Structures are given as structure tokens and as C-alpha cells.
């Protein structure tokens, strides 16, 4: 499993949050930072932009992560869940659990917990 791009993107997202960058700005910031280096992660972040306003979490997560879910999409899935349920970690974690693949759902939950810690 190739997790290095996701790990680096999560570290960068955490640093940006610590610097006061709003959650809604993270996808754009991550795309600007990693577009050339991690194009698959950035493609998932672009798909997050398409699905951000959807009311069906399962459909949005399938769109963001693909079917079957790709690990490159888990940070975008985590950001989707956090933006969909701002300030409600429990609901964001329940949203992440809707990803079909258990491994991707667990990884998304870990990312949410990492990004939610203040």
C-alpha cells in the first residue's frame, strides 16, 4: 500500500490548520502544494470540490475515493466528512465509516482524528 503521499498531505494539512488556515481552504492549499508531486491525491481533492454540496454522503464518498476506494482519496474523504459535519468529530467519523472498503474507512477515521486535534 502506497501511503507516503497521503501521510505527507496529512502532515501539511495539520500544519496549515495550526497556522490558522480555515478547513475549507485546505483542499486548495494541498492542490497548490502537491499538484505536480501527487496528482492522484489532487484528483481526489478536485472530486471533493464536485461532491462538497451533495446530501448523500455515501455517493459523495464513492465519487471522491472511487470504486473500489483508492488510498489516494482518503485525505479528500476525511476533509469531506469534516466539512460536512464541522466541529462534530463523531458525525464525521460516522460519515467516514460509509466508505465501502474497511481499510480506507479506518485510514480516513485516523486522518479525521489527526486533523481534529487542536
PDB file of N, CA and C in Angstrom:
ATOM      1  N   UNK A   1       0.847  -1.181   0.000  1.00  0.00           N
ATOM      2  CA  UNK A   1       0.000   0.000   0.000  1.00  0.00           C
ATOM      3  C   UNK A   1       0.892   1.244   0.000  1.00  0.00           C
ATOM      4  N   UNK A   2       0.569   2.182  -0.849  1.00  0.00           N
ATOM      5  CA  UNK A   2       1.358   3.390  -1.035  1.00  0.00           C
ATOM      6  C   UNK A   2       0.722   4.536  -0.247  1.00  0.00           C
ATOM      7  N   UNK A   3       1.261   4.815   0.939  1.00  0.00           N
ATOM      8  CA  UNK A   3       0.657   5.829   1.797  1.00  0.00           C
ATOM      9  C   UNK A   3       1.495   7.095   1.960  1.00  0.00           C
ATOM     10  N   UNK A   4       2.695   7.112   1.418  1.00  0.00           N
ATOM     11  CA  UNK A   4       3.563   8.273   1.603  1.00  0.00           C
ATOM     12  C   UNK A   4       2.906   9.577   1.144  1.00  0.00           C
ATOM     13  N   UNK A   5       2.273   9.637  -0.043  1.00  0.00           N
ATOM     14  CA  UNK A   5       1.635  10.907  -0.428  1.00  0.00           C
ATOM     15  C   UNK A   5       0.551  11.325   0.563  1.00  0.00           C
ATOM     16  N   UNK A   6      -0.234  10.378   1.029  1.00  0.00           N
ATOM     17  CA  UNK A   6      -1.301  10.685   1.978  1.00  0.00           C
ATOM     18  C   UNK A   6      -0.700  11.171   3.286  1.00  0.00           C
ATOM     19  N   UNK A   7       0.336  10.484   3.771  1.00  0.00           N
ATOM     20  CA  UNK A   7       0.980  10.872   5.033  1.00  0.00           C
ATOM     21  C   UNK A   7       1.511  12.300   4.945  1.00  0.00           C
ATOM     22  N   UNK A   8       2.201  12.625   3.854  1.00  0.00           N
ATOM     23  CA  UNK A   8       2.744  13.984   3.699  1.00  0.00           C
ATOM     24  C   UNK A   8       1.637  15.018   3.600  1.00  0.00           C
ATOM     25  N   UNK A   9       0.568  14.691   2.876  1.00  0.00           N
ATOM     26  CA  UNK A   9      -0.548  15.630   2.741  1.00  0.00           C
ATOM     27  C   UNK A   9      -1.237  15.871   4.081  1.00  0.00           C
ATOM     28  N   UNK A  10      -1.360  14.819   4.896  1.00  0.00           N
ATOM     29  CA  UNK A  10      -1.975  14.976   6.223  1.00  0.00           C
ATOM     30  C   UNK A  10      -1.092  15.851   7.108  1.00  0.00           C
ATOM     31  N   UNK A  11       0.214  15.621   7.075  1.00  0.00           N
ATOM     32  CA  UNK A  11       1.134  16.464   7.854  1.00  0.00           C
ATOM     33  C   UNK A  11       1.004  17.932   7.434  1.00  0.00           C
ATOM     34  N   UNK A  12       0.959  18.158   6.130  1.00  0.00           N
ATOM     35  CA  UNK A  12       0.825  19.531   5.628  1.00  0.00           C
ATOM     36  C   UNK A  12      -0.507  20.133   6.053  1.00  0.00           C
ATOM     37  N   UNK A  13      -1.573  19.360   5.953  1.00  0.00           N
ATOM     38  CA  UNK A  13      -2.900  19.856   6.364  1.00  0.00           C
ATOM     39  C   UNK A  13      -2.907  20.214   7.844  1.00  0.00           C
ATOM     40  N   UNK A  14      -2.304  19.387   8.663  1.00  0.00           N
ATOM     41  CA  UNK A  14      -2.250  19.657  10.105  1.00  0.00           C
ATOM     42  C   UNK A  14      -1.473  20.949  10.364  1.00  0.00           C
ATOM     43  N   UNK A  15      -0.344  21.131   9.670  1.00  0.00           N
ATOM     44  CA  UNK A  15       0.459  22.349   9.822  1.00  0.00           C
ATOM     45  C   UNK A  15      -0.341  23.587   9.396  1.00  0.00           C
ATOM     46  N   UNK A  16      -1.069  23.467   8.293  1.00  0.00           N
ATOM     47  CA  UNK A  16      -1.876  24.590   7.819  1.00  0.00           C
ATOM     48  C   UNK A  16      -2.977  24.944   8.818  1.00  0.00           C
ATOM     49  N   UNK A  17      -3.626  23.928   9.380  1.00  0.00           N
ATOM     50  CA  UNK A  17      -4.641  24.190  10.403  1.00  0.00           C
ATOM     51  C   UNK A  17      -4.020  24.876  11.614  1.00  0.00           C
ATOM     52  N   UNK A  18      -2.830  24.427  12.007  1.00  0.00           N
ATOM     53  CA  UNK A  18      -2.137  25.036  13.142  1.00  0.00           C
ATOM     54  C   UNK A  18      -1.781  26.500  12.871  1.00  0.00           C
ATOM     55  N   UNK A  19      -1.586  26.834  11.596  1.00  0.00           N
ATOM     56  CA  UNK A  19      -1.266  28.205  11.200  1.00  0.00           C
ATOM     57  C   UNK A  19      -2.517  29.067  11.053  1.00  0.00           C
ATOM     58  N   UNK A  20      -3.684  28.464  11.245  1.00  0.00           N
ATOM     59  CA  UNK A  20      -4.920  29.218  11.171  1.00  0.00           C
ATOM     60  C   UNK A  20      -5.626  29.185   9.825  1.00  0.00           C
ATOM     61  N   UNK A  21      -5.155  28.364   8.908  1.00  0.00           N
ATOM     62  CA  UNK A  21      -5.828  28.239   7.611  1.00  0.00           C
ATOM     63  C   UNK A  21      -7.180  27.562   7.847  1.00  0.00           C
ATOM     64  N   UNK A  22      -8.269  28.135   7.347  1.00  0.00           N
ATOM     65  CA  UNK A  22      -9.589  27.529   7.550  1.00  0.00           C
ATOM     66  C   UNK A  22      -9.690  26.162   6.861  1.00  0.00           C
ATOM     67  N   UNK A  23     -10.460  25.288   7.451  1.00  0.00           N
ATOM     68  CA  UNK A  23     -10.668  23.942   6.924  1.00  0.00           C
ATOM     69  C   UNK A  23     -11.088  23.968   5.454  1.00  0.00           C
ATOM     70  N   UNK A  24     -11.967  24.877   5.088  1.00  0.00           N
ATOM     71  CA  UNK A  24     -12.473  24.943   3.722  1.00  0.00           C
ATOM     72  C   UNK A  24     -11.394  25.297   2.707  1.00  0.00           C
ATOM     73  N   UNK A  25     -10.299  25.886   3.170  1.00  0.00           N
ATOM     74  CA  UNK A  25      -9.203  26.264   2.276  1.00  0.00           C
ATOM     75  C   UNK A  25      -8.180  25.144   2.078  1.00  0.00           C
ATOM     76  N   UNK A  26      -8.251  24.092   2.900  1.00  0.00           N
ATOM     77  CA  UNK A  26      -7.241  23.035   2.827  1.00  0.00           C
ATOM     78  C   UNK A  26      -7.171  22.353   1.469  1.00  0.00           C
ATOM     79  N   UNK A  27      -8.295  21.981   0.849  1.00  0.00           N
ATOM     80  CA  UNK A  27      -8.161  21.325  -0.460  1.00  0.00           C
ATOM     81  C   UNK A  27      -7.376  22.163  -1.464  1.00  0.00           C
ATOM     82  N   UNK A  28      -7.702  23.439  -1.550  1.00  0.00           N
ATOM     83  CA  UNK A  28      -6.990  24.324  -2.489  1.00  0.00           C
ATOM     84  C   UNK A  28      -5.509  24.414  -2.144  1.00  0.00           C
ATOM     85  N   UNK A  29      -5.199  24.588  -0.875  1.00  0.00           N
ATOM     86  CA  UNK A  29      -3.806  24.685  -0.445  1.00  0.00           C
ATOM     87  C   UNK A  29      -3.036  23.397  -0.752  1.00  0.00           C
ATOM     88  N   UNK A  30      -3.660  22.264  -0.507  1.00  0.00           N
ATOM     89  CA  UNK A  30      -2.992  20.984  -0.773  1.00  0.00           C
ATOM     90  C   UNK A  30      -2.788  20.763  -2.273  1.00  0.00           C
ATOM     91  N   UNK A  31      -3.771  21.161  -3.073  1.00  0.00           N
ATOM     92  CA  UNK A  31      -3.617  21.047  -4.528  1.00  0.00           C
ATOM     93  C   UNK A  31      -2.464  21.922  -4.999  1.00  0.00           C
ATOM     94  N   UNK A  32      -2.387  23.139  -4.510  1.00  0.00           N
ATOM     95  CA  UNK A  32      -1.301  24.038  -4.910  1.00  0.00           C
ATOM     96  C   UNK A  32       0.060  23.489  -4.488  1.00  0.00           C
ATOM     97  N   UNK A  33       0.102  22.803  -3.350  1.00  0.00           N
ATOM     98  CA  UNK A  33       1.361  22.267  -2.837  1.00  0.00           C
ATOM     99  C   UNK A  33       1.784  20.992  -3.553  1.00  0.00           C
ATOM    100  N   UNK A  34       0.843  20.120  -3.849  1.00  0.00           N
ATOM    101  CA  UNK A  34       1.190  18.762  -4.309  1.00  0.00           C
ATOM    102  C   UNK A  34       0.727  18.411  -5.715  1.00  0.00           C
ATOM    103  N   UNK A  35       0.228  19.355  -6.490  1.00  0.00           N
ATOM    104  CA  UNK A  35      -0.337  19.049  -7.802  1.00  0.00           C
ATOM    105  C   UNK A  35       0.629  18.257  -8.683  1.00  0.00           C
ATOM    106  N   UNK A  36       1.859  18.685  -8.793  1.00  0.00           N
ATOM    107  CA  UNK A  36       2.824  18.002  -9.658  1.00  0.00           C
ATOM    108  C   UNK A  36       3.373  16.726  -9.011  1.00  0.00           C
ATOM    109  N   UNK A  37       3.516  16.754  -7.696  1.00  0.00           N
ATOM    110  CA  UNK A  37       4.152  15.642  -6.990  1.00  0.00           C
ATOM    111  C   UNK A  37       3.202  14.460  -6.748  1.00  0.00           C
ATOM    112  N   UNK A  38       1.948  14.747  -6.393  1.00  0.00           N
ATOM    113  CA  UNK A  38       0.971  13.702  -6.059  1.00  0.00           C
ATOM    114  C   UNK A  38      -0.335  13.937  -6.821  1.00  0.00           C
ATOM    115  N   UNK A  39      -0.321  13.718  -8.129  1.00  0.00           N
ATOM    116  CA  UNK A  39      -1.510  14.037  -8.917  1.00  0.00           C
ATOM    117  C   UNK A  39      -2.757  13.235  -8.525  1.00  0.00           C
ATOM    118  N   UNK A  40      -2.607  11.996  -8.060  1.00  0.00           N
ATOM    119  CA  UNK A  40      -3.788  11.204  -7.694  1.00  0.00           C
ATOM    120  C   UNK A  40      -4.458  11.738  -6.437  1.00  0.00           C
ATOM    121  N   UNK A  41      -3.670  12.207  -5.487  1.00  0.00           N
ATOM    122  CA  UNK A  41      -4.237  12.845  -4.291  1.00  0.00           C
ATOM    123  C   UNK A  41      -4.974  14.111  -4.712  1.00  0.00           C
ATOM    124  N   UNK A  42      -4.384  14.878  -5.598  1.00  0.00           N
ATOM    125  CA  UNK A  42      -5.006  16.134  -6.034  1.00  0.00           C
ATOM    126  C   UNK A  42      -6.275  15.882  -6.848  1.00  0.00           C
ATOM    127  N   UNK A  43      -6.294  14.814  -7.646  1.00  0.00           N
ATOM    128  CA  UNK A  43      -7.518  14.475  -8.375  1.00  0.00           C
ATOM    129  C   UNK A  43      -8.655  14.195  -7.396  1.00  0.00           C
ATOM    130  N   UNK A  44      -8.358  13.494  -6.307  1.00  0.00           N
ATOM    131  CA  UNK A  44      -9.382  13.229  -5.285  1.00  0.00           C
ATOM    132  C   UNK A  44      -9.835  14.533  -4.625  1.00  0.00           C
ATOM    133  N   UNK A  45      -8.905  15.457  -4.410  1.00  0.00           N
ATOM    134  CA  UNK A  45      -9.272  16.752  -3.829  1.00  0.00           C
ATOM    135  C   UNK A  45     -10.162  17.553  -4.781  1.00  0.00           C
ATOM    136  N   UNK A  46      -9.901  17.451  -6.094  1.00  0.00           N
ATOM    137  CA  UNK A  46     -10.785  18.093  -7.065  1.00  0.00           C
ATOM    138  C   UNK A  46     -12.175  17.460  -7.026  1.00  0.00           C
ATOM    139  N   UNK A  47     -12.221  16.119  -6.896  1.00  0.00           N
ATOM    140  CA  UNK A  47     -13.520  15.440  -6.810  1.00  0.00           C
ATOM    141  C   UNK A  47     -14.269  15.855  -5.538  1.00  0.00           C
ATOM    142  N   UNK A  48     -13.516  16.157  -4.474  1.00  0.00           N
ATOM    143  CA  UNK A  48     -14.141  16.687  -3.261  1.00  0.00           C
ATOM    144  C   UNK A  48     -14.893  17.972  -3.591  1.00  0.00           C
ATOM    145  N   UNK A  49     -14.303  18.814  -4.411  1.00  0.00           N
ATOM    146  CA  UNK A  49     -14.967  20.045  -4.814  1.00  0.00           C
ATOM    147  C   UNK A  49     -16.284  19.781  -5.523  1.00  0.00           C
ATOM    148  N   UNK A  50     -16.332  18.729  -6.326  1.00  0.00           N
ATOM    149  CA  UNK A  50     -17.580  18.371  -7.020  1.00  0.00           C
ATOM    150  C   UNK A  50     -18.636  17.907  -6.033  1.00  0.00           C
ATOM    151  N   UNK A  51     -18.226  17.137  -5.038  1.00  0.00           N
ATOM    152  CA  UNK A  51     -19.168  16.451  -4.139  1.00  0.00           C
ATOM    153  C   UNK A  51     -19.458  17.210  -2.845  1.00  0.00           C
ATOM    154  N   UNK A  52     -18.806  18.323  -2.635  1.00  0.00           N
ATOM    155  CA  UNK A  52     -18.901  19.017  -1.341  1.00  0.00           C
ATOM    156  C   UNK A  52     -20.328  19.360  -0.934  1.00  0.00           C
ATOM    157  N   UNK A  53     -21.176  19.671  -1.860  1.00  0.00           N
ATOM    158  CA  UNK A  53     -22.538  20.067  -1.520  1.00  0.00           C
ATOM    159  C   UNK A  53     -23.567  18.947  -1.586  1.00  0.00           C
ATOM    160  N   UNK A  54     -23.125  17.745  -1.898  1.00  0.00           N
ATOM    161  CA  UNK A  54     -24.063  16.641  -2.021  1.00  0.00           C
ATOM    162  C   UNK A  54     -24.640  16.274  -0.661  1.00  0.00           C
ATOM    163  N   UNK A  55     -25.888  15.849  -0.652  1.00  0.00           N
ATOM    164  CA  UNK A  55     -26.546  15.453   0.592  1.00  0.00           C
ATOM    165  C   UNK A  55     -26.351  13.968   0.902  1.00  0.00           C
ATOM    166  N   UNK A  56     -26.006  13.174  -0.091  1.00  0.00           N
ATOM    167  CA  UNK A  56     -25.820  11.731   0.081  1.00  0.00           C
ATOM    168  C   UNK A  56     -24.343  11.450   0.350  1.00  0.00           C
ATOM    169  N   UNK A  57     -24.006  11.223   1.622  1.00  0.00           N
ATOM    170  CA  UNK A  57     -22.607  11.000   1.996  1.00  0.00           C
ATOM    171  C   UNK A  57     -21.996   9.808   1.270  1.00  0.00           C
ATOM    172  N   UNK A  58     -22.741   8.721   1.161  1.00  0.00           N
ATOM    173  CA  UNK A  58     -22.197   7.520   0.507  1.00  0.00           C
ATOM    174  C   UNK A  58     -21.854   7.797  -0.950  1.00  0.00           C
ATOM    175  N   UNK A  59     -22.732   8.491  -1.650  1.00  0.00           N
ATOM    176  CA  UNK A  59     -22.471   8.826  -3.052  1.00  0.00           C
ATOM    177  C   UNK A  59     -21.276   9.768  -3.168  1.00  0.00           C
ATOM    178  N   UNK A  60     -21.201  10.743  -2.269  1.00  0.00           N
ATOM    179  CA  UNK A  60     -20.082  11.684  -2.298  1.00  0.00           C
ATOM    180  C   UNK A  60     -18.760  10.958  -2.050  1.00  0.00           C
ATOM    181  N   UNK A  61     -18.743  10.068  -1.081  1.00  0.00           N
ATOM    182  CA  UNK A  61     -17.507   9.338  -0.766  1.00  0.00           C
ATOM    183  C   UNK A  61     -17.111   8.401  -1.901  1.00  0.00           C
ATOM    184  N   UNK A  62     -18.082   7.781  -2.561  1.00  0.00           N
ATOM    185  CA  UNK A  62     -17.766   6.934  -3.724  1.00  0.00           C
ATOM    186  C   UNK A  62     -17.167   7.790  -4.835  1.00  0.00           C
ATOM    187  N   UNK A  63     -17.724   8.981  -5.039  1.00  0.00           N
ATOM    188  CA  UNK A  63     -17.206   9.881  -6.066  1.00  0.00           C
ATOM    189  C   UNK A  63     -15.785  10.327  -5.729  1.00  0.00           C
ATOM    190  N   UNK A  64     -15.551  10.666  -4.487  1.00  0.00           N
ATOM    191  CA  UNK A  64     -14.241  11.164  -4.059  1.00  0.00           C
ATOM    192  C   UNK A  64     -13.181  10.067  -4.106  1.00  0.00           C
ATOM    193  N   UNK A  65     -13.492   8.900  -3.537  1.00  0.00           N
ATOM    194  CA  UNK A  65     -12.500   7.830  -3.386  1.00  0.00           C
ATOM    195  C   UNK A  65     -12.470   6.856  -4.547  1.00  0.00           C
ATOM    196  N   UNK A  66     -13.532   6.799  -5.320  1.00  0.00           N
ATOM    197  CA  UNK A  66     -13.618   5.828  -6.399  1.00  0.00           C
ATOM    198  C   UNK A  66     -14.187   4.513  -5.898  1.00  0.00           C
ATOM    199  N   UNK A  67     -14.447   3.624  -6.841  1.00  0.00           N
ATOM    200  CA  UNK A  67     -14.972   2.307  -6.502  1.00  0.00           C
ATOM    201  C   UNK A  67     -14.154   1.283  -7.260  1.00  0.00           C
ATOM    202  N   UNK A  68     -13.380   0.456  -6.571  1.00  0.00           N
ATOM    203  CA  UNK A  68     -13.204   0.412  -5.122  1.00  0.00           C
ATOM    204  C   UNK A  68     -12.409   1.631  -4.647  1.00  0.00           C
ATOM    205  N   UNK A  69     -12.526   1.955  -3.365  1.00  0.00           N
ATOM    206  CA  UNK A  69     -11.841   3.145  -2.838  1.00  0.00           C
ATOM    207  C   UNK A  69     -10.320   3.055  -3.018  1.00  0.00           C
ATOM    208  N   UNK A  70      -9.738   4.169  -3.411  1.00  0.00           N
ATOM    209  CA  UNK A  70      -8.283   4.254  -3.555  1.00  0.00           C
ATOM    210  C   UNK A  70      -7.716   5.013  -2.362  1.00  0.00           C
ATOM    211  N   UNK A  71      -6.586   4.554  -1.867  1.00  0.00           N
ATOM    212  CA  UNK A  71      -5.974   5.208  -0.707  1.00  0.00           C
ATOM    213  C   UNK A  71      -5.596   6.653  -0.982  1.00  0.00           C
ATOM    214  N   UNK A  72      -5.372   6.990  -2.253  1.00  0.00           N
ATOM    215  CA  UNK A  72      -5.046   8.372  -2.585  1.00  0.00           C
ATOM    216  C   UNK A  72      -6.203   9.319  -2.267  1.00  0.00           C
ATOM    217  N   UNK A  73      -7.411   8.790  -2.140  1.00  0.00           N
ATOM    218  CA  UNK A  73      -8.572   9.624  -1.894  1.00  0.00           C
ATOM    219  C   UNK A  73      -8.950   9.795  -0.442  1.00  0.00           C
ATOM    220  N   UNK A  74      -8.256   9.117   0.467  1.00  0.00           N
ATOM    221  CA  UNK A  74      -8.708   9.140   1.858  1.00  0.00           C
ATOM    222  C   UNK A  74      -8.580  10.517   2.515  1.00  0.00           C
ATOM    223  N   UNK A  75      -7.579  11.300   2.170  1.00  0.00           N
ATOM    224  CA  UNK A  75      -7.494  12.630   2.785  1.00  0.00           C
ATOM    225  C   UNK A  75      -8.643  13.496   2.285  1.00  0.00           C
ATOM    226  N   UNK A  76      -8.998  13.376   1.009  1.00  0.00           N
ATOM    227  CA  UNK A  76     -10.133  14.126   0.494  1.00  0.00           C
ATOM    228  C   UNK A  76     -11.424  13.672   1.165  1.00  0.00           C
ATOM    229  N   UNK A  77     -11.548  12.366   1.401  1.00  0.00           N
ATOM    230  CA  UNK A  77     -12.734  11.839   2.094  1.00  0.00           C
ATOM    231  C   UNK A  77     -12.804  12.375   3.521  1.00  0.00           C
ATOM    232  N   UNK A  78     -11.664  12.423   4.192  1.00  0.00           N
ATOM    233  CA  UNK A  78     -11.633  12.949   5.560  1.00  0.00           C
ATOM    234  C   UNK A  78     -12.029  14.424   5.585  1.00  0.00           C
ATOM    235  N   UNK A  79     -11.519  15.198   4.643  1.00  0.00           N
ATOM    236  CA  UNK A  79     -11.874  16.616   4.580  1.00  0.00           C
ATOM    237  C   UNK A  79     -13.358  16.785   4.258  1.00  0.00           C
ATOM    238  N   UNK A  80     -13.877  15.937   3.373  1.00  0.00           N
ATOM    239  CA  UNK A  80     -15.311  15.988   3.070  1.00  0.00           C
ATOM    240  C   UNK A  80     -16.113  15.789   4.360  1.00  0.00           C
ATOM    241  N   UNK A  81     -15.799  14.743   5.104  1.00  0.00           N
ATOM    242  CA  UNK A  81     -16.546  14.432   6.330  1.00  0.00           C
ATOM    243  C   UNK A  81     -16.437  15.569   7.347  1.00  0.00           C
ATOM    244  N   UNK A  82     -15.253  16.147   7.474  1.00  0.00           N
ATOM    245  CA  UNK A  82     -15.053  17.232   8.432  1.00  0.00           C
ATOM    246  C   UNK A  82     -15.806  18.497   8.014  1.00  0.00           C
ATOM    247  N   UNK A  83     -15.840  18.772   6.709  1.00  0.00           N
ATOM    248  CA  UNK A  83     -16.562  19.952   6.235  1.00  0.00           C
ATOM    249  C   UNK A  83     -18.070  19.728   6.278  1.00  0.00           C
ATOM    250  N   UNK A  84     -18.480  18.508   6.072  1.00  0.00           N
ATOM    251  CA  UNK A  84     -19.917  18.176   6.104  1.00  0.00           C
ATOM    252  C   UNK A  84     -20.460  18.276   7.530  1.00  0.00           C
ATOM    253  N   UNK A  85     -19.620  17.921   8.513  1.00  0.00           N
ATOM    254  CA  UNK A  85     -20.018  17.931   9.925  1.00  0.00           C
ATOM    255  C   UNK A  85     -19.009  18.742  10.737  1.00  0.00           C
ATOM    256  N   UNK A  86     -18.939  20.052  10.491  1.00  0.00           N
ATOM    257  CA  UNK A  86     -17.917  20.870  11.166  1.00  0.00           C
ATOM    258  C   UNK A  86     -18.091  20.877  12.680  1.00  0.00           C
ATOM    259  N   UNK A  87     -16.986  20.642  13.368  1.00  0.00           N
ATOM    260  CA  UNK A  87     -16.992  20.660  14.824  1.00  0.00           C
ATOM    261  C   UNK A  87     -17.651  19.458  15.469  1.00  0.00           C
ATOM    262  N   UNK A  88     -18.059  18.475  14.674  1.00  0.00           N
ATOM    263  CA  UNK A  88     -18.737  17.279  15.180  1.00  0.00           C
ATOM    264  C   UNK A  88     -17.946  16.049  14.757  1.00  0.00           C
ATOM    265  N   UNK A  89     -16.899  15.763  15.512  1.00  0.00           N
ATOM    266  CA  UNK A  89     -15.997  14.665  15.179  1.00  0.00           C
ATOM    267  C   UNK A  89     -16.734  13.340  15.082  1.00  0.00           C
ATOM    268  N   UNK A  90     -17.650  13.089  15.995  1.00  0.00           N
ATOM    269  CA  UNK A  90     -18.385  11.818  15.993  1.00  0.00           C
ATOM    270  C   UNK A  90     -19.168  11.627  14.695  1.00  0.00           C
ATOM    271  N   UNK A  91     -19.850  12.668  14.245  1.00  0.00           N
ATOM    272  CA  UNK A  91     -20.598  12.569  12.987  1.00  0.00           C
ATOM    273  C   UNK A  91     -19.657  12.432  11.790  1.00  0.00           C
ATOM    274  N   UNK A  92     -18.530  13.131  11.833  1.00  0.00           N
ATOM    275  CA  UNK A  92     -17.546  13.000  10.749  1.00  0.00           C
ATOM    276  C   UNK A  92     -17.013  11.573  10.688  1.00  0.00           C
ATOM    277  N   UNK A  93     -16.762  10.960  11.841  1.00  0.00           N
ATOM    278  CA  UNK A  93     -16.286   9.578  11.870  1.00  0.00           C
ATOM    279  C   UNK A  93     -17.354   8.616  11.351  1.00  0.00           C
ATOM    280  N   UNK A  94     -18.611   8.860  11.695  1.00  0.00           N
ATOM    281  CA  UNK A  94     -19.704   8.022  11.174  1.00  0.00           C
ATOM    282  C   UNK A  94     -19.804   8.172   9.657  1.00  0.00           C
ATOM    283  N   UNK A  95     -19.604   9.373   9.174  1.00  0.00           N
ATOM    284  CA  UNK A  95     -19.615   9.615   7.739  1.00  0.00           C
ATOM    285  C   UNK A  95     -18.484   8.824   7.074  1.00  0.00           C
ATOM    286  N   UNK A  96     -17.301   8.874   7.648  1.00  0.00           N
ATOM    287  CA  UNK A  96     -16.144   8.158   7.087  1.00  0.00           C
ATOM    288  C   UNK A  96     -16.386   6.655   7.048  1.00  0.00           C
ATOM    289  N   UNK A  97     -17.151   6.149   7.998  1.00  0.00           N
ATOM    290  CA  UNK A  97     -17.437   4.712   8.050  1.00  0.00           C
ATOM    291  C   UNK A  97     -18.290   4.257   6.873  1.00  0.00           C
ATOM    292  N   UNK A  98     -18.858   5.193   6.129  1.00  0.00           N
ATOM    293  CA  UNK A  98     -19.689   4.839   4.974  1.00  0.00           C
ATOM    294  C   UNK A  98     -18.869   4.463   3.748  1.00  0.00           C
ATOM    295  N   UNK A  99     -17.554   4.601   3.836  1.00  0.00           N
ATOM    296  CA  UNK A  99     -16.699   4.154   2.736  1.00  0.00           C
ATOM    297  C   UNK A  99     -16.761   2.629   2.706  1.00  0.00           C
ATOM    298  N   UNK A 100     -16.956   2.087   1.545  1.00  0.00           N
ATOM    299  CA  UNK A 100     -17.193   0.647   1.392  1.00  0.00           C
ATOM    300  C   UNK A 100     -16.027  -0.192   1.902  1.00  0.00           C
ATOM    301  N   UNK A 101     -14.831   0.202   1.610  1.00  0.00           N
ATOM    302  CA  UNK A 101     -13.637  -0.560   1.982  1.00  0.00           C
ATOM    303  C   UNK A 101     -13.251  -0.240   3.426  1.00  0.00           C
ATOM    304  N   UNK A 102     -13.216  -1.261   4.286  1.00  0.00           N
ATOM    305  CA  UNK A 102     -12.929  -1.039   5.709  1.00  0.00           C
ATOM    306  C   UNK A 102     -11.564  -0.412   5.944  1.00  0.00           C
ATOM    307  N   UNK A 103     -10.565  -0.832   5.192  1.00  0.00           N
ATOM    308  CA  UNK A 103      -9.219  -0.283   5.380  1.00  0.00           C
ATOM    309  C   UNK A 103      -9.211   1.217   5.064  1.00  0.00           C
ATOM    310  N   UNK A 104      -9.866   1.609   3.990  1.00  0.00           N
ATOM    311  CA  UNK A 104      -9.938   3.031   3.641  1.00  0.00           C
ATOM    312  C   UNK A 104     -10.744   3.803   4.687  1.00  0.00           C
ATOM    313  N   UNK A 105     -11.819   3.213   5.184  1.00  0.00           N
ATOM    314  CA  UNK A 105     -12.631   3.868   6.216  1.00  0.00           C
ATOM    315  C   UNK A 105     -11.817   4.073   7.486  1.00  0.00           C
ATOM    316  N   UNK A 106     -11.034   3.075   7.874  1.00  0.00           N
ATOM    317  CA  UNK A 106     -10.202   3.197   9.079  1.00  0.00           C
ATOM    318  C   UNK A 106      -9.137   4.269   8.892  1.00  0.00           C
ATOM    319  N   UNK A 107      -8.513   4.292   7.728  1.00  0.00           N
ATOM    320  CA  UNK A 107      -7.489   5.294   7.453  1.00  0.00           C
ATOM    321  C   UNK A 107      -8.103   6.700   7.446  1.00  0.00           C
ATOM    322  N   UNK A 108      -9.280   6.832   6.856  1.00  0.00           N
ATOM    323  CA  UNK A 108      -9.971   8.122   6.850  1.00  0.00           C
ATOM    324  C   UNK A 108     -10.285   8.571   8.271  1.00  0.00           C
ATOM    325  N   UNK A 109     -10.728   7.648   9.112  1.00  0.00           N
ATOM    326  CA  UNK A 109     -11.020   7.976  10.517  1.00  0.00           C
ATOM    327  C   UNK A 109      -9.759   8.439  11.248  1.00  0.00           C
ATOM    328  N   UNK A 110      -8.630   7.793  10.977  1.00  0.00           N
ATOM    329  CA  UNK A 110      -7.367   8.210  11.604  1.00  0.00           C
ATOM    330  C   UNK A 110      -6.992   9.623  11.172  1.00  0.00           C
ATOM    331  N   UNK A 111      -7.212   9.930   9.907  1.00  0.00           N
ATOM    332  CA  UNK A 111      -6.894  11.275   9.401  1.00  0.00           C
ATOM    333  C   UNK A 111      -7.799  12.301  10.076  1.00  0.00           C
ATOM    334  N   UNK A 112      -9.080  12.002  10.190  1.00  0.00           N
ATOM    335  CA  UNK A 112     -10.004  12.933  10.873  1.00  0.00           C
ATOM    336  C   UNK A 112      -9.517  13.200  12.292  1.00  0.00           C
ATOM    337  N   UNK A 113      -9.154  12.163  13.013  1.00  0.00           N
ATOM    338  CA  UNK A 113      -8.698  12.327  14.401  1.00  0.00           C
ATOM    339  C   UNK A 113      -7.423  13.157  14.455  1.00  0.00           C
ATOM    340  N   UNK A 114      -6.531  12.956  13.481  1.00  0.00           N
ATOM    341  CA  UNK A 114      -5.292  13.728  13.446  1.00  0.00           C
ATOM    342  C   UNK A 114      -5.571  15.196  13.168  1.00  0.00           C
ATOM    343  N   UNK A 115      -6.460  15.469  12.237  1.00  0.00           N
ATOM    344  CA  UNK A 115      -6.744  16.849  11.859  1.00  0.00           C
ATOM    345  C   UNK A 115      -7.626  17.561  12.877  1.00  0.00           C
ATOM    346  N   UNK A 116      -8.450  16.825  13.599  1.00  0.00           N
ATOM    347  CA  UNK A 116      -9.345  17.433  14.588  1.00  0.00           C
ATOM    348  C   UNK A 116      -8.614  17.813  15.881  1.00  0.00           C
ATOM    349  N   UNK A 117      -7.496  17.185  16.150  1.00  0.00           N
ATOM    350  CA  UNK A 117      -6.806  17.505  17.414  1.00  0.00           C
ATOM    351  C   UNK A 117      -6.312  18.943  17.345  1.00  0.00           C
ATOM    352  N   UNK A 118      -6.500  19.631  18.404  1.00  0.00           N
ATOM    353  CA  UNK A 118      -6.077  21.045  18.453  1.00  0.00           C
ATOM    354  C   UNK A 118      -5.059  21.234  19.543  1.00  0.00           C
TER     355      UNK A 118
END
